Amino acid sequence: MKTIKKNFLKNNIDSEYDHLFAELLQIAFPQGCLDLITYIVSELFTNIKEHSYAKKVHAELKINKSDFFLLVEDNGIGIRNSFLKNDIFAKNDRTAIQLAVGGLSAKKKNERAFGLYSIHSLAEQTGGKMILETGNSKSVFLKNKVEFISLKKKLKGLKVSIQMYLKKISIYNYIQ
């Protein structure tokens, strides 16, 4: 198993992405899997830069022969507060997660967002699992189902966990 762990300041997110990508290039993946992983990491890092107001980021990637696990978390404002900063009302963290995964952008009211929407779509269509935690809510997306769990302790920022199988894939068949 290959494990890559990174703790860094948001200001260094681009150089950390470059370092992570360089490490991934050293691994032999099934066709399309490098594209899949780098697409997901790129989308999550872009969301952190554009929406989170975070200072710190933690990224962890575990890769074995059959699957990979990715964890990206920040200490920012979370999904709901990102929407609220842009005059988009989400009554609670659960609703904010639903809106984000449904493709609503925190940039402007009439704009679509493809980050979490695309990642969710990729996970769902390829038999993977995605977990989002923000504020008081945790959402587990698995096999076209979603389970919402109330967190006992409020989480600052956003924590995204993704597990997917490593198999030949063309991500462009799954994203819009």
C-alpha atoms as a PDB file:
ATOM      1  CA  MET A   1       0.000   0.000   0.000  1.00  0.00           C
ATOM      2  CA  LYS A   2       1.215   3.480  -0.882  1.00  0.00           C
ATOM      3  CA  THR A   3       0.273   6.276   1.525  1.00  0.00           C
ATOM      4  CA  ILE A   4       0.760   9.974   0.891  1.00  0.00           C
ATOM      5  CA  LYS A   5      -0.023  12.452   3.694  1.00  0.00           C
ATOM      6  CA  LYS A   6       0.213  16.216   3.419  1.00  0.00           C
ATOM      7  CA  ASN A   7      -0.486  18.972   5.938  1.00  0.00           C
ATOM      8  CA  PHE A   8      -0.086  22.448   4.517  1.00  0.00           C
ATOM      9  CA  LEU A   9      -1.294  26.026   4.502  1.00  0.00           C
ATOM     10  CA  LYS A  10      -3.932  26.972   1.956  1.00  0.00           C
ATOM     11  CA  ASN A  11      -1.487  29.468   0.438  1.00  0.00           C
ATOM     12  CA  ASN A  12       0.684  26.509  -0.665  1.00  0.00           C
ATOM     13  CA  ILE A  13      -2.131  24.476  -2.214  1.00  0.00           C
ATOM     14  CA  ASP A  14      -0.899  24.783  -5.813  1.00  0.00           C
ATOM     15  CA  SER A  15       2.658  23.668  -5.055  1.00  0.00           C
ATOM     16  CA  GLU A  16       1.348  20.823  -2.858  1.00  0.00           C
ATOM     17  CA  TYR A  17      -0.865  19.691  -5.745  1.00  0.00           C
ATOM     18  CA  ASP A  18       2.203  19.648  -7.997  1.00  0.00           C
ATOM     19  CA  HIS A  19       4.150  17.561  -5.450  1.00  0.00           C
ATOM     20  CA  LEU A  20       1.240  15.147  -5.050  1.00  0.00           C
ATOM     21  CA  PHE A  21       0.888  14.794  -8.814  1.00  0.00           C
ATOM     22  CA  ALA A  22       4.630  14.073  -9.138  1.00  0.00           C
ATOM     23  CA  GLU A  23       4.291  11.288  -6.546  1.00  0.00           C
ATOM     24  CA  LEU A  24       1.258   9.847  -8.345  1.00  0.00           C
ATOM     25  CA  LEU A  25       3.184   9.710 -11.620  1.00  0.00           C
ATOM     26  CA  GLN A  26       5.509   7.157  -9.994  1.00  0.00           C
ATOM     27  CA  ILE A  27       2.636   4.670  -9.484  1.00  0.00           C
ATOM     28  CA  ALA A  28       1.406   2.225 -12.133  1.00  0.00           C
ATOM     29  CA  PHE A  29      -2.378   2.643 -12.348  1.00  0.00           C
ATOM     30  CA  PRO A  30      -4.987   0.957 -14.529  1.00  0.00           C
ATOM     31  CA  GLN A  31      -5.818   3.096 -17.577  1.00  0.00           C
ATOM     32  CA  GLY A  32      -7.639   6.291 -16.601  1.00  0.00           C
ATOM     33  CA  CYS A  33      -7.164   5.992 -12.825  1.00  0.00           C
ATOM     34  CA  LEU A  34      -4.490   8.678 -12.653  1.00  0.00           C
ATOM     35  CA  ASP A  35      -6.921  11.004 -14.464  1.00  0.00           C
ATOM     36  CA  LEU A  36      -9.642  10.061 -11.977  1.00  0.00           C
ATOM     37  CA  ILE A  37      -7.553  10.742  -8.884  1.00  0.00           C
ATOM     38  CA  THR A  38      -6.003  13.964 -10.155  1.00  0.00           C
ATOM     39  CA  TYR A  39      -9.416  15.246 -11.296  1.00  0.00           C
ATOM     40  CA  ILE A  40     -10.911  14.655  -7.844  1.00  0.00           C
ATOM     41  CA  VAL A  41      -7.962  16.202  -5.987  1.00  0.00           C
ATOM     42  CA  SER A  42      -7.954  19.178  -8.354  1.00  0.00           C
ATOM     43  CA  GLU A  43     -11.682  19.814  -7.842  1.00  0.00           C
ATOM     44  CA  LEU A  44     -11.386  19.564  -4.048  1.00  0.00           C
ATOM     45  CA  PHE A  45      -8.334  21.838  -3.915  1.00  0.00           C
ATOM     46  CA  THR A  46     -10.078  24.368  -6.182  1.00  0.00           C
ATOM     47  CA  ASN A  47     -13.103  24.373  -3.859  1.00  0.00           C
ATOM     48  CA  ILE A  48     -10.819  25.038  -0.897  1.00  0.00           C
ATOM     49  CA  LYS A  49      -9.160  27.962  -2.693  1.00  0.00           C
ATOM     50  CA  GLU A  50     -12.420  29.491  -3.894  1.00  0.00           C
ATOM     51  CA  HIS A  51     -14.855  28.880  -1.052  1.00  0.00           C
ATOM     52  CA  SER A  52     -13.386  27.688   2.238  1.00  0.00           C
ATOM     53  CA  TYR A  53     -11.528  30.641   3.763  1.00  0.00           C
ATOM     54  CA  ALA A  54      -9.368  27.937   5.332  1.00  0.00           C
ATOM     55  CA  LYS A  55      -5.882  28.423   6.660  1.00  0.00           C
ATOM     56  CA  LYS A  56      -4.889  24.766   6.890  1.00  0.00           C
ATOM     57  CA  VAL A  57      -5.474  21.715   4.706  1.00  0.00           C
ATOM     58  CA  HIS A  58      -4.880  18.018   5.331  1.00  0.00           C
ATOM     59  CA  ALA A  59      -4.784  15.585   2.413  1.00  0.00           C
ATOM     60  CA  GLU A  60      -4.263  11.848   2.660  1.00  0.00           C
ATOM     61  CA  LEU A  61      -4.225   9.301  -0.138  1.00  0.00           C
ATOM     62  CA  LYS A  62      -3.959   5.542   0.338  1.00  0.00           C
ATOM     63  CA  ILE A  63      -3.563   3.363  -2.725  1.00  0.00           C
ATOM     64  CA  ASN A  64      -3.499  -0.420  -2.886  1.00  0.00           C
ATOM     65  CA  LYS A  65      -3.968  -2.902  -5.726  1.00  0.00           C
ATOM     66  CA  SER A  66      -7.759  -2.770  -5.826  1.00  0.00           C
ATOM     67  CA  ASP A  67      -8.830   0.664  -4.622  1.00  0.00           C
ATOM     68  CA  PHE A  68      -7.855   4.066  -3.319  1.00  0.00           C
ATOM     69  CA  PHE A  69      -8.970   6.163  -0.374  1.00  0.00           C
ATOM     70  CA  LEU A  70      -8.726   9.948  -0.410  1.00  0.00           C
ATOM     71  CA  LEU A  71      -9.299  12.272   2.527  1.00  0.00           C
ATOM     72  CA  VAL A  72      -9.183  16.047   2.135  1.00  0.00           C
ATOM     73  CA  GLU A  73     -10.145  18.322   5.000  1.00  0.00           C
ATOM     74  CA  ASP A  74      -9.828  22.008   5.735  1.00  0.00           C
ATOM     75  CA  ASN A  75     -10.457  24.270   8.719  1.00  0.00           C
ATOM     76  CA  GLY A  76     -12.520  26.776   6.760  1.00  0.00           C
ATOM     77  CA  ILE A  77     -16.091  28.012   7.036  1.00  0.00           C
ATOM     78  CA  GLY A  78     -17.910  24.935   5.718  1.00  0.00           C
ATOM     79  CA  ILE A  79     -20.423  24.530   2.922  1.00  0.00           C
ATOM     80  CA  ARG A  80     -23.397  26.265   4.561  1.00  0.00           C
ATOM     81  CA  ASN A  81     -21.430  29.372   5.521  1.00  0.00           C
ATOM     82  CA  SER A  82     -19.932  29.520   2.039  1.00  0.00           C
ATOM     83  CA  PHE A  83     -23.458  29.616   0.623  1.00  0.00           C
ATOM     84  CA  LEU A  84     -24.551  32.220   3.196  1.00  0.00           C
ATOM     85  CA  LYS A  85     -21.596  34.475   2.278  1.00  0.00           C
ATOM     86  CA  ASN A  86     -23.039  34.533  -1.242  1.00  0.00           C
ATOM     87  CA  ASP A  87     -26.631  35.198  -0.150  1.00  0.00           C
ATOM     88  CA  ILE A  88     -27.758  31.618  -0.734  1.00  0.00           C
ATOM     89  CA  PHE A  89     -29.839  30.342   2.167  1.00  0.00           C
ATOM     90  CA  ALA A  90     -29.445  26.752   3.297  1.00  0.00           C
ATOM     91  CA  LYS A  91     -31.459  26.146   6.457  1.00  0.00           C
ATOM     92  CA  ASN A  92     -28.889  23.713   7.886  1.00  0.00           C
ATOM     93  CA  ASP A  93     -25.700  21.821   7.060  1.00  0.00           C
ATOM     94  CA  ARG A  94     -27.589  18.829   5.675  1.00  0.00           C
ATOM     95  CA  THR A  95     -29.431  21.032   3.191  1.00  0.00           C
ATOM     96  CA  ALA A  96     -26.171  22.750   2.247  1.00  0.00           C
ATOM     97  CA  ILE A  97     -24.593  19.373   1.436  1.00  0.00           C
ATOM     98  CA  GLN A  98     -27.615  18.421  -0.682  1.00  0.00           C
ATOM     99  CA  LEU A  99     -27.415  21.710  -2.590  1.00  0.00           C
ATOM    100  CA  ALA A 100     -23.658  21.394  -3.197  1.00  0.00           C
ATOM    101  CA  VAL A 101     -23.853  17.779  -4.357  1.00  0.00           C
ATOM    102  CA  GLY A 102     -26.835  18.742  -6.506  1.00  0.00           C
ATOM    103  CA  GLY A 103     -24.653  21.238  -8.360  1.00  0.00           C
ATOM    104  CA  LEU A 104     -25.549  24.609  -6.803  1.00  0.00           C
ATOM    105  CA  SER A 105     -22.620  27.018  -6.861  1.00  0.00           C
ATOM    106  CA  ALA A 106     -21.611  29.126  -3.884  1.00  0.00           C
ATOM    107  CA  LYS A 107     -20.317  31.720  -6.360  1.00  0.00           C
ATOM    108  CA  LYS A 108     -23.539  33.203  -7.738  1.00  0.00           C
ATOM    109  CA  LYS A 109     -27.183  32.283  -7.421  1.00  0.00           C
ATOM    110  CA  ASN A 110     -27.711  31.256 -11.046  1.00  0.00           C
ATOM    111  CA  GLU A 111     -24.376  29.539 -11.558  1.00  0.00           C
ATOM    112  CA  ARG A 112     -23.835  25.764 -11.592  1.00  0.00           C
ATOM    113  CA  ALA A 113     -21.027  24.081  -9.697  1.00  0.00           C
ATOM    114  CA  PHE A 114     -19.419  20.909 -10.896  1.00  0.00           C
ATOM    115  CA  GLY A 115     -16.873  20.125  -8.154  1.00  0.00           C
ATOM    116  CA  LEU A 116     -18.772  18.115  -5.554  1.00  0.00           C
ATOM    117  CA  TYR A 117     -21.487  17.302  -8.076  1.00  0.00           C
ATOM    118  CA  SER A 118     -18.987  15.673 -10.463  1.00  0.00           C
ATOM    119  CA  ILE A 119     -17.110  13.874  -7.702  1.00  0.00           C
ATOM    120  CA  HIS A 120     -20.371  12.502  -6.316  1.00  0.00           C
ATOM    121  CA  SER A 121     -21.423  11.427  -9.804  1.00  0.00           C
ATOM    122  CA  LEU A 122     -18.090   9.676 -10.404  1.00  0.00           C
ATOM    123  CA  ALA A 123     -18.273   7.865  -7.068  1.00  0.00           C
ATOM    124  CA  GLU A 124     -21.882   6.833  -7.572  1.00  0.00           C
ATOM    125  CA  GLN A 125     -21.522   5.623 -11.152  1.00  0.00           C
ATOM    126  CA  THR A 126     -18.325   3.662 -10.511  1.00  0.00           C
ATOM    127  CA  GLY A 127     -19.480   1.909  -7.327  1.00  0.00           C
ATOM    128  CA  GLY A 128     -17.463   4.135  -5.015  1.00  0.00           C
ATOM    129  CA  LYS A 129     -18.295   5.821  -1.740  1.00  0.00           C
ATOM    130  CA  MET A 130     -18.200   9.501  -0.779  1.00  0.00           C
ATOM    131  CA  ILE A 131     -18.582  10.976   2.696  1.00  0.00           C
ATOM    132  CA  LEU A 132     -19.014  14.703   3.355  1.00  0.00           C
ATOM    133  CA  GLU A 133     -18.823  16.182   6.835  1.00  0.00           C
ATOM    134  CA  THR A 134     -19.422  19.841   7.577  1.00  0.00           C
ATOM    135  CA  GLY A 135     -20.889  21.666  10.551  1.00  0.00           C
ATOM    136  CA  ASN A 136     -23.331  19.334  12.296  1.00  0.00           C
ATOM    137  CA  SER A 137     -23.936  16.976   9.374  1.00  0.00           C
ATOM    138  CA  LYS A 138     -22.333  13.907   7.850  1.00  0.00           C
ATOM    139  CA  SER A 139     -23.586  12.486   4.562  1.00  0.00           C
ATOM    140  CA  VAL A 140     -22.617   9.044   3.283  1.00  0.00           C
ATOM    141  CA  PHE A 141     -23.197   8.462  -0.433  1.00  0.00           C
ATOM    142  CA  LEU A 142     -23.041   4.810  -1.499  1.00  0.00           C
ATOM    143  CA  LYS A 143     -24.760   2.823  -4.256  1.00  0.00           C
ATOM    144  CA  ASN A 144     -27.331   5.472  -5.237  1.00  0.00           C
ATOM    145  CA  LYS A 145     -28.280   5.954  -1.580  1.00  0.00           C
ATOM    146  CA  VAL A 146     -27.512   8.668   0.910  1.00  0.00           C
ATOM    147  CA  GLU A 147     -27.461   8.418   4.681  1.00  0.00           C
ATOM    148  CA  PHE A 148     -27.529  11.594   6.757  1.00  0.00           C
ATOM    149  CA  ILE A 149     -26.040  11.507  10.230  1.00  0.00           C
ATOM    150  CA  SER A 150     -26.106  14.290  12.816  1.00  0.00           C
ATOM    151  CA  LEU A 151     -22.679  14.944  14.285  1.00  0.00           C
ATOM    152  CA  LYS A 152     -22.453  15.308  18.053  1.00  0.00           C
ATOM    153  CA  LYS A 153     -19.586  17.764  17.756  1.00  0.00           C
ATOM    154  CA  LYS A 154     -19.696  20.559  15.186  1.00  0.00           C
ATOM    155  CA  LEU A 155     -16.954  20.242  12.566  1.00  0.00           C
ATOM    156  CA  LYS A 156     -15.164  23.399  11.469  1.00  0.00           C
ATOM    157  CA  GLY A 157     -14.620  23.394   7.726  1.00  0.00           C
ATOM    158  CA  LEU A 158     -15.222  20.473   5.397  1.00  0.00           C
ATOM    159  CA  LYS A 159     -14.024  16.887   5.425  1.00  0.00           C
ATOM    160  CA  VAL A 160     -14.367  14.840   2.225  1.00  0.00           C
ATOM    161  CA  SER A 161     -13.609  11.109   2.113  1.00  0.00           C
ATOM    162  CA  ILE A 162     -13.730   9.127  -1.110  1.00  0.00           C
ATOM    163  CA  GLN A 163     -13.134   5.461  -1.756  1.00  0.00           C
ATOM    164  CA  MET A 164     -13.159   4.074  -5.291  1.00  0.00           C
ATOM    165  CA  TYR A 165     -12.022   0.957  -7.056  1.00  0.00           C
ATOM    166  CA  LEU A 166      -8.949   1.029  -9.257  1.00  0.00           C
ATOM    167  CA  LYS A 167     -10.091  -0.289 -12.600  1.00  0.00           C
ATOM    168  CA  LYS A 168      -9.817   0.821 -16.199  1.00  0.00           C
ATOM    169  CA  ILE A 169     -11.936   3.935 -16.562  1.00  0.00           C
ATOM    170  CA  SER A 170     -12.551   6.929 -18.772  1.00  0.00           C
ATOM    171  CA  ILE A 171     -13.729   9.664 -16.425  1.00  0.00           C
ATOM    172  CA  TYR A 172     -15.026  11.664 -19.380  1.00  0.00           C
ATOM    173  CA  ASN A 173     -17.839   9.122 -19.719  1.00  0.00           C
ATOM    174  CA  TYR A 174     -19.022  10.139 -16.247  1.00  0.00           C
ATOM    175  CA  ILE A 175     -18.536  13.893 -15.944  1.00  0.00           C
ATOM    176  CA  GLN A 176     -20.379  16.655 -17.757  1.00  0.00           C
END
